[in-house]
Protein backbone atom coordinates (compact mmCIF):
# COMPACT_ATOMS: atom_id res chain seq x y z
CA MET A 1 30.81 154.07 -75.27
CA ILE A 2 35.00 155.15 -74.89
CA LEU A 3 34.46 157.98 -72.05
CA VAL A 4 37.44 160.49 -73.12
CA ALA A 5 38.58 163.46 -71.25
CA LEU A 6 38.42 166.23 -73.86
CA ILE A 7 39.86 169.52 -73.85
CA LEU A 8 38.68 173.21 -74.62
CA ARG A 9 40.52 175.94 -74.39
CA VAL A 10 38.25 178.88 -74.84
CA SER A 11 38.73 182.43 -75.84
CA LEU A 12 36.25 185.11 -75.64
CA SER A 13 36.73 189.23 -76.78
CA VAL A 14 36.24 191.50 -73.47
CA ALA A 15 32.67 192.48 -73.62
CA GLN A 16 32.90 196.44 -75.49
CA SER A 17 30.43 198.63 -76.54
CA ASP A 18 31.01 197.52 -80.24
CA SER A 19 31.45 193.76 -79.65
CA LEU A 20 28.92 190.89 -79.09
CA VAL A 21 29.21 189.35 -75.60
CA ILE A 22 29.28 185.18 -75.19
CA THR A 23 26.66 184.54 -72.43
CA GLY A 24 26.43 180.83 -72.82
CA PHE A 25 28.21 177.85 -73.99
CA ASN A 26 26.04 174.24 -73.64
CA THR A 27 27.06 170.89 -74.25
CA HIS A 28 25.50 167.96 -74.81
CA ALA A 29 26.74 167.19 -70.78
CA GLY A 30 25.05 170.31 -69.74
CA ALA A 31 25.86 173.55 -69.15
CA ILE A 32 28.73 175.52 -68.82
CA ASN A 33 28.56 178.77 -66.63
CA PRO A 34 31.62 181.57 -66.17
CA THR A 35 32.80 183.22 -63.46
CA ASP A 36 31.55 186.72 -64.44
CA SER A 37 30.72 188.51 -66.93
CA THR A 38 33.83 188.12 -69.11
CA TRP A 39 35.18 184.68 -69.73
CA ASN A 40 39.02 184.83 -69.46
CA LEU A 41 40.84 183.91 -72.33
CA ALA A 42 43.15 181.00 -71.06
CA GLN A 43 40.46 179.46 -69.84
CA LYS A 44 39.67 175.57 -70.18
CA ILE A 45 37.03 173.98 -70.37
CA HIS A 46 36.52 169.42 -69.93
CA LEU A 47 34.09 167.60 -71.60
CA PRO A 48 33.77 164.23 -70.11
CA SER A 49 32.76 162.54 -73.42
CA LEU A 50 32.04 161.92 -77.13
CA PRO A 51 30.30 162.31 -78.99
CA THR A 52 30.10 166.35 -78.70
CA SER A 53 28.09 168.56 -79.56
CA VAL A 54 28.26 172.47 -78.69
CA SER A 55 25.47 175.30 -78.42
CA ILE A 56 26.48 178.92 -77.79
CA THR A 57 24.00 182.04 -76.89
CA VAL A 58 25.70 185.71 -77.45
CA LYS A 59 24.02 188.88 -76.98
CA ASP A 60 24.37 192.34 -78.83
CA PRO A 61 24.48 195.22 -75.35
CA ASP A 62 22.98 197.39 -77.96
CA GLU A 63 19.59 196.72 -77.92
CA ALA A 64 18.35 198.53 -79.21
CA SER A 65 19.73 198.44 -82.70
CA GLY A 66 18.37 194.44 -82.95
CA LEU A 67 20.20 191.40 -84.34
CA ASN A 68 20.78 189.57 -87.43
CA LEU A 69 23.47 187.53 -86.64
CA VAL A 70 25.67 184.93 -88.59
CA CYS A 71 28.61 182.54 -86.69
CA ILE A 72 30.94 181.39 -89.11
CA ILE A 73 33.32 178.15 -87.94
CA GLN A 74 36.17 176.82 -89.31
CA GLU A 75 38.36 173.73 -87.78
CA ASP A 76 41.84 174.59 -88.63
CA LEU A 77 43.08 175.02 -92.04
CA LYS A 78 39.47 173.52 -93.32
CA LEU A 79 37.04 175.66 -95.33
CA TYR A 80 34.50 177.67 -93.23
CA ASN A 81 30.76 177.00 -92.18
CA THR A 82 28.47 179.93 -92.69
CA VAL A 83 24.99 179.20 -90.11
CA LYS A 84 22.26 181.94 -90.59
CA MET A 85 20.85 182.85 -86.66
CA GLY A 86 19.07 185.67 -88.01
CA ALA A 87 17.72 187.08 -84.57
CA ASN A 88 17.82 183.87 -82.88
CA PRO A 89 20.78 184.30 -79.89
CA THR A 90 21.38 179.95 -80.10
CA VAL A 91 24.01 178.36 -82.89
CA HIS A 92 24.05 174.57 -82.28
CA PHE A 93 27.18 172.53 -83.45
CA TYR A 94 26.06 168.64 -83.05
CA ASN A 95 29.09 165.79 -83.17
CA LEU A 96 32.10 168.00 -83.33
CA THR A 97 35.23 165.76 -83.97
CA GLY A 98 38.49 166.67 -82.28
CA GLY A 99 40.32 169.83 -83.51
CA ASN A 100 41.13 173.22 -82.86
CA TYR A 101 37.51 175.78 -84.08
CA THR A 102 37.13 179.35 -84.77
CA VAL A 103 33.78 180.14 -83.83
CA THR A 104 32.49 184.58 -85.04
CA PHE A 105 30.03 186.06 -84.65
CA LYS A 106 28.47 188.69 -87.08
CA ASN A 107 25.84 191.27 -85.69
CA LEU A 108 25.36 192.54 -89.42
CA THR A 109 23.21 195.86 -88.14
CA ASN A 110 26.40 197.72 -86.29
CA HIS A 111 28.48 194.86 -87.19
CA HIS A 112 29.26 194.42 -83.66
CA GLN A 113 31.53 190.72 -83.50
CA ALA A 114 32.65 188.00 -80.90
CA ARG A 115 35.13 185.39 -81.70
CA LEU A 116 35.61 181.78 -79.33
CA ASN A 117 38.47 179.93 -80.12
CA PHE A 118 38.85 176.44 -78.42
CA GLU A 119 39.84 173.05 -78.95
CA ILE A 120 38.72 169.15 -78.53
CA GLU A 121 40.61 167.35 -77.98
CA THR A 122 41.32 163.76 -80.91
CA VAL A 123 40.97 160.85 -79.89
CA PHE A 124 42.97 157.78 -81.51
CA TRP A 125 41.17 156.74 -84.45
CA GLU A 126 40.66 160.07 -85.58
CA LYS A 127 44.49 160.41 -85.02
CA TRP A 128 46.78 161.07 -88.46
CA TRP A 129 48.31 157.54 -87.59
CA PHE A 130 44.43 155.95 -87.48
CA GLY A 131 44.57 155.03 -90.77
CA PRO A 132 48.36 153.89 -92.24
CA LEU A 133 48.09 151.47 -88.67
CA MET A 134 44.74 150.03 -89.70
CA ILE A 135 45.42 149.92 -93.19
CA PHE A 136 47.93 147.86 -91.90
CA LEU A 137 46.42 145.09 -90.19
CA ILE A 138 44.18 144.72 -92.32
CA SER A 139 46.27 143.95 -94.87
CA VAL A 140 48.52 141.92 -92.71
CA ILE A 141 45.44 139.63 -91.30
CA LEU A 142 44.18 139.30 -94.91
CA GLY A 143 48.24 138.66 -95.59
CA VAL A 144 47.65 135.05 -93.15
CA VAL A 145 44.42 134.08 -94.49
CA PHE A 146 45.02 133.59 -98.05
CA TYR A 147 48.82 132.59 -96.76
CA PHE A 148 46.75 130.49 -95.09
CA ILE A 149 44.66 129.53 -97.87
CA TYR A 150 47.89 128.52 -100.29
CA ILE A 151 49.34 126.23 -97.96
CA ILE A 152 46.06 124.88 -98.06
CA LYS A 153 45.47 124.28 -101.72
CA LEU A 154 48.65 123.52 -102.22
CA ARG A 155 48.87 120.50 -99.44
CA GLU A 156 45.23 119.02 -101.61
CA ARG A 157 47.17 119.74 -105.25
CA LEU A 158 49.93 117.84 -103.72
CA LYS A 159 48.20 115.19 -102.37
CA ASN A 160 46.14 115.11 -105.48
CA GLN A 161 49.81 113.76 -107.12
CA GLU A 162 50.80 111.93 -105.07
CA ALA A 163 47.22 110.48 -105.40
CA LEU A 164 47.55 110.02 -109.14
CA HIS A 165 50.81 109.47 -109.56
CA GLU A 166 50.02 106.14 -107.19
CA LEU A 167 47.26 105.35 -110.10
CA GLU A 168 49.86 106.30 -112.72
CA MET A 169 52.02 102.84 -111.43
CA LYS A 170 48.95 101.12 -111.11
CA ALA A 171 47.45 101.92 -114.21
CA LEU A 172 50.74 100.41 -115.94
CA ARG A 173 50.14 97.32 -113.78
CA ALA A 174 47.21 97.22 -115.05
CA GLN A 175 47.83 98.00 -118.49
CA MET A 176 50.77 94.76 -119.17
CA ASN A 177 48.50 92.43 -116.64
CA PRO A 178 50.83 89.21 -116.27
CA HIS A 179 47.72 87.69 -118.92
CA PHE A 180 48.32 90.17 -121.84
CA VAL A 181 51.83 89.40 -121.69
CA PHE A 182 51.55 85.89 -121.18
CA ASN A 183 49.34 85.52 -124.45
CA SER A 184 51.67 88.38 -126.20
CA MET A 185 54.79 86.08 -125.57
CA ASN A 186 52.67 82.51 -126.66
CA THR A 187 51.77 84.10 -129.71
CA ILE A 188 55.01 85.25 -130.91
CA ASP A 189 55.41 81.19 -129.57
CA ALA A 190 52.73 79.66 -131.54
CA TYR A 191 54.75 81.68 -135.14
CA VAL A 192 57.67 80.61 -133.92
CA LEU A 193 56.83 76.59 -133.93
CA ASN A 194 54.49 77.41 -137.04
CA LYS A 195 58.36 78.88 -138.27
CA ARG A 196 56.26 81.83 -139.44
CA PHE A 197 59.39 84.00 -138.51
CA ILE A 198 58.97 87.21 -140.59
CA GLU A 199 55.22 87.54 -138.89
CA ALA A 200 56.65 86.21 -135.26
CA SER A 201 59.77 88.87 -135.41
CA ASP A 202 56.91 91.79 -137.03
CA TYR A 203 54.70 91.08 -133.65
CA LEU A 204 58.12 90.93 -131.46
CA GLN A 205 58.92 94.47 -132.69
CA LYS A 206 55.31 95.91 -132.01
CA PHE A 207 55.22 94.24 -128.49
CA SER A 208 59.01 95.46 -127.03
CA LYS A 209 57.85 99.10 -128.88
CA LEU A 210 54.63 99.33 -126.98
CA ILE A 211 56.08 97.98 -124.01
CA ARG A 212 59.15 100.92 -123.89
CA HIS A 213 55.84 103.23 -125.26
CA THR A 214 54.24 102.16 -122.01
CA LEU A 215 57.04 102.62 -119.66
CA GLU A 216 58.14 105.45 -121.39
CA ASN A 217 54.68 107.20 -120.40
CA SER A 218 54.14 106.36 -117.66
CA GLU A 219 57.07 108.49 -115.99
CA HIS A 220 55.09 111.64 -117.42
CA ALA A 221 52.22 112.69 -115.74
CA THR A 222 50.16 114.05 -119.74
CA VAL A 223 51.58 112.91 -122.97
CA PRO A 224 50.83 114.59 -126.70
CA VAL A 225 47.81 113.02 -127.39
CA SER A 226 49.26 111.51 -130.96
CA ARG A 227 51.90 110.00 -128.77
CA ASP A 228 49.18 108.05 -127.01
CA LEU A 229 47.49 106.90 -130.21
CA GLN A 230 50.94 105.09 -130.57
CA SER A 231 50.61 103.71 -127.79
CA LEU A 232 47.23 102.51 -128.09
CA GLN A 233 47.21 101.80 -132.12
CA LEU A 234 50.71 99.37 -131.76
CA TYR A 235 48.34 97.48 -128.42
CA LEU A 236 44.71 97.02 -130.51
CA GLU A 237 47.43 96.12 -133.89
CA LEU A 238 48.84 93.46 -130.75
CA GLU A 239 45.43 92.45 -129.80
CA GLN A 240 43.72 92.22 -133.21
CA GLU A 241 46.21 89.81 -134.04
CA ARG A 242 46.73 87.37 -131.53
CA PHE A 243 42.57 87.14 -132.06
CA GLN A 244 43.30 86.37 -135.90
CA HIS A 245 41.90 89.43 -137.45
CA THR A 246 38.37 89.15 -136.05
CA PHE A 247 37.77 92.91 -135.54
CA ARG A 248 38.51 94.94 -137.41
CA PHE A 249 39.09 98.89 -135.51
CA ARG A 250 39.31 102.25 -136.31
CA ILE A 251 41.29 105.64 -134.66
CA SER A 252 39.84 109.08 -135.89
CA PRO A 253 41.23 112.29 -134.02
CA ASP A 254 40.52 115.17 -135.16
CA LYS A 255 43.73 117.03 -136.93
CA GLU A 256 44.10 119.58 -134.63
CA LEU A 257 45.24 117.10 -131.65
CA LEU A 258 47.81 115.73 -133.68
CA GLU A 259 49.59 118.73 -134.69
CA ALA A 260 49.03 121.12 -131.41
CA ASP A 261 50.87 120.16 -127.97
CA TRP A 262 47.74 118.87 -126.50
CA GLN A 263 48.08 116.64 -123.74
CA ILE A 264 45.99 113.97 -121.76
CA PRO A 265 46.72 111.54 -119.07
CA PRO A 266 48.54 108.63 -120.27
CA LEU A 267 47.16 105.10 -120.57
CA LEU A 268 43.75 105.76 -119.91
CA ILE A 269 41.80 104.91 -123.22
CA GLN A 270 43.60 101.48 -123.47
CA PRO A 271 41.13 99.85 -120.42
CA PHE A 272 37.87 100.92 -121.93
CA VAL A 273 39.41 99.54 -125.92
CA GLU A 274 40.61 96.04 -123.80
CA ASN A 275 37.00 95.69 -122.05
CA ALA A 276 35.93 96.42 -125.93
CA ILE A 277 37.43 93.39 -127.19
CA ILE A 278 37.78 91.18 -124.02
CA HIS A 279 34.06 91.31 -123.17
CA GLY A 280 32.06 92.65 -126.57
CA VAL A 281 33.43 91.55 -129.93
CA ARG A 282 35.70 89.18 -129.11
CA HIS A 283 32.03 86.73 -128.13
CA LEU A 284 30.27 87.72 -131.73
CA PRO A 285 29.82 84.61 -133.18
CA ALA A 286 30.94 86.55 -137.06
CA HIS A 287 33.58 87.18 -136.04
CA ASP A 288 32.86 90.75 -137.84
CA GLY A 289 33.74 92.60 -134.61
CA ASP A 290 34.47 96.66 -134.87
CA ILE A 291 35.80 98.88 -132.56
CA SER A 292 36.06 103.10 -134.10
CA ILE A 293 37.86 105.05 -130.71
CA THR A 294 37.27 108.82 -132.42
CA LEU A 295 38.33 111.85 -130.21
CA HIS A 296 37.48 115.67 -131.07
CA ARG A 297 38.22 119.15 -129.52
CA ILE A 298 35.00 120.90 -127.34
CA ALA A 299 36.47 124.91 -127.55
CA LYS A 300 34.79 125.88 -124.15
CA ALA A 301 36.88 128.77 -123.80
CA PRO A 302 40.40 130.16 -123.88
CA ASP A 303 42.74 127.25 -121.68
CA ALA A 304 39.82 125.74 -120.74
CA ASP A 305 39.84 123.30 -123.30
CA GLN A 306 38.32 119.96 -123.60
CA LEU A 307 38.70 116.25 -124.59
CA MET A 308 35.60 113.94 -125.88
CA ILE A 309 37.16 110.70 -126.78
CA LYS A 310 34.28 108.26 -127.86
CA ILE A 311 35.25 104.35 -127.99
CA ARG A 312 32.17 102.38 -129.70
CA ASP A 313 31.86 98.69 -130.45
CA ASN A 314 30.04 96.16 -132.11
CA GLY A 315 30.42 93.23 -129.40
CA VAL A 316 27.87 91.71 -127.87
CA GLY A 317 27.03 94.59 -124.50
CA ARG A 318 27.48 94.02 -120.81
CA ARG A 319 24.68 92.00 -120.43
CA VAL A 320 25.76 88.91 -122.10
CA SER A 321 29.61 89.87 -121.74
CA ALA A 322 29.19 89.04 -117.58
CA GLU A 323 26.34 86.17 -118.29
CA ILE A 324 29.52 84.91 -120.50
CA ASN A 325 32.21 85.65 -118.59
CA GLY A 326 31.09 86.17 -115.04
CA PRO A 327 32.61 88.79 -112.55
CA SER A 328 36.21 90.09 -113.73
CA HIS A 329 38.83 90.56 -111.41
CA HIS A 330 41.24 92.04 -113.55
CA LYS A 331 38.03 94.31 -116.19
CA SER A 332 36.98 95.81 -112.54
CA MET A 333 40.45 96.43 -111.20
CA GLY A 334 40.76 98.67 -114.86
CA ILE A 335 37.56 100.03 -115.37
CA ALA A 336 38.07 101.57 -111.39
CA ILE A 337 41.19 102.92 -111.47
CA THR A 338 40.95 104.14 -115.08
CA LEU A 339 37.45 106.67 -112.99
CA ASN A 340 40.32 107.41 -110.32
CA ARG A 341 42.77 109.21 -112.52
CA ILE A 342 39.89 110.55 -114.21
CA ALA A 343 39.05 112.15 -110.76
CA ASN A 344 42.13 113.22 -109.92
CA PHE A 345 43.18 114.88 -113.04
CA GLN A 346 40.26 117.05 -112.74
CA ALA A 347 41.05 118.58 -109.30
CA LEU A 348 44.04 119.36 -110.41
CA HIS A 349 43.38 120.86 -113.44
CA GLY A 350 39.59 122.14 -112.19
CA GLU A 351 37.18 121.23 -115.02
CA LYS A 352 34.91 119.05 -114.99
CA THR A 353 35.25 115.37 -116.71
CA GLU A 354 32.64 112.79 -116.94
CA THR A 355 32.49 109.22 -118.12
CA LEU A 356 29.50 107.31 -119.33
CA ILE A 357 28.28 104.30 -120.92
CA HIS A 358 25.70 103.50 -122.54
CA ASP A 359 24.11 100.05 -123.94
CA LEU A 360 23.44 100.15 -127.79
CA ALA A 361 20.93 98.15 -130.15
CA GLU A 362 24.91 96.19 -130.76
CA GLY A 363 27.12 96.57 -128.59
CA THR A 364 28.57 99.70 -125.46
CA GLU A 365 29.06 103.05 -126.36
CA VAL A 366 31.98 104.58 -123.79
CA GLN A 367 32.21 108.73 -123.82
CA ILE A 368 34.78 110.09 -121.89
CA ILE A 369 34.84 114.52 -121.77
CA LEU A 370 38.06 115.66 -119.39
CA PRO A 371 40.52 118.71 -119.25
CA LEU A 372 42.86 119.22 -122.32
CA VAL A 373 45.76 120.56 -121.15
CA LYS A 374 48.96 122.48 -123.19
CA SER A 375 52.38 121.62 -122.37
């Protein structure tokens, strides 16, 4: 405990026949005795430390009247407190704070009085400026803490954005892989050699449009759902034609997803659809493959909507496909890149994402849940 010198200025009324006499002034440090029968008004008493407790004893020279004492203590201009002492000549005050005190004693039987004024020097935490100073210091500390938290969050966000941009570029390279481009060019070449110029022109237009969409979409972190589905539609039409219509497909989004400006990461669905074609329906002996892509909005709370994407095929399944194709580097790279993109998208938007792959009795189903954002 900090020891603080407390200066008490004590004034006592001169003992007269019609006045009470203060005979004792005790503190927690011990008794303080006056030098004579009355105390001088200018006398100062020094207390060595806190907490401050004071006991005051009074005496009425007119002993025949008896004692029925009350004590009134007031600090500066604050409310006063009255203590009924009765016949007890001593009053006790505990844990007094710094300030100016006026103590008045009255004997109700004969109206004798005595008054004592003393001052306790305030310690620094009782000064008027201590409260505002503490509020200021706490505000500064909190400001610094929140600033560092903001900087850390900003660095994490920038790091995630940088990683997401890098993954977008990898996704672009994964989608426009040399095998797809080479096979598409071979399909066009076959149409030309067989003098099927209309089919060649139609295929070339779709192919060039897909290339343009892919390059444009790769420049953005998110694109409208409708635009991404346009690219997916072009890709499926090209693959369907390349594989001589050995499979059919359906893209079924909720209507509101196309009307509102809902955004998703570009090139996210295509790698799973490519796997459904290359490693699923392509190996069906009856050439009656079926691929369905559905998109549903899950309304959880305002500004916390999610998108559920289901990609289902009736192909040979993952186990049979692995036996036929063996390990596929492009497949693993494409899916790994896409899963990393989904994880980074979750880190940026704070909503939980899920990617589940189910083996069905006939084929495979991929289920993706990710946040829906608006531009």
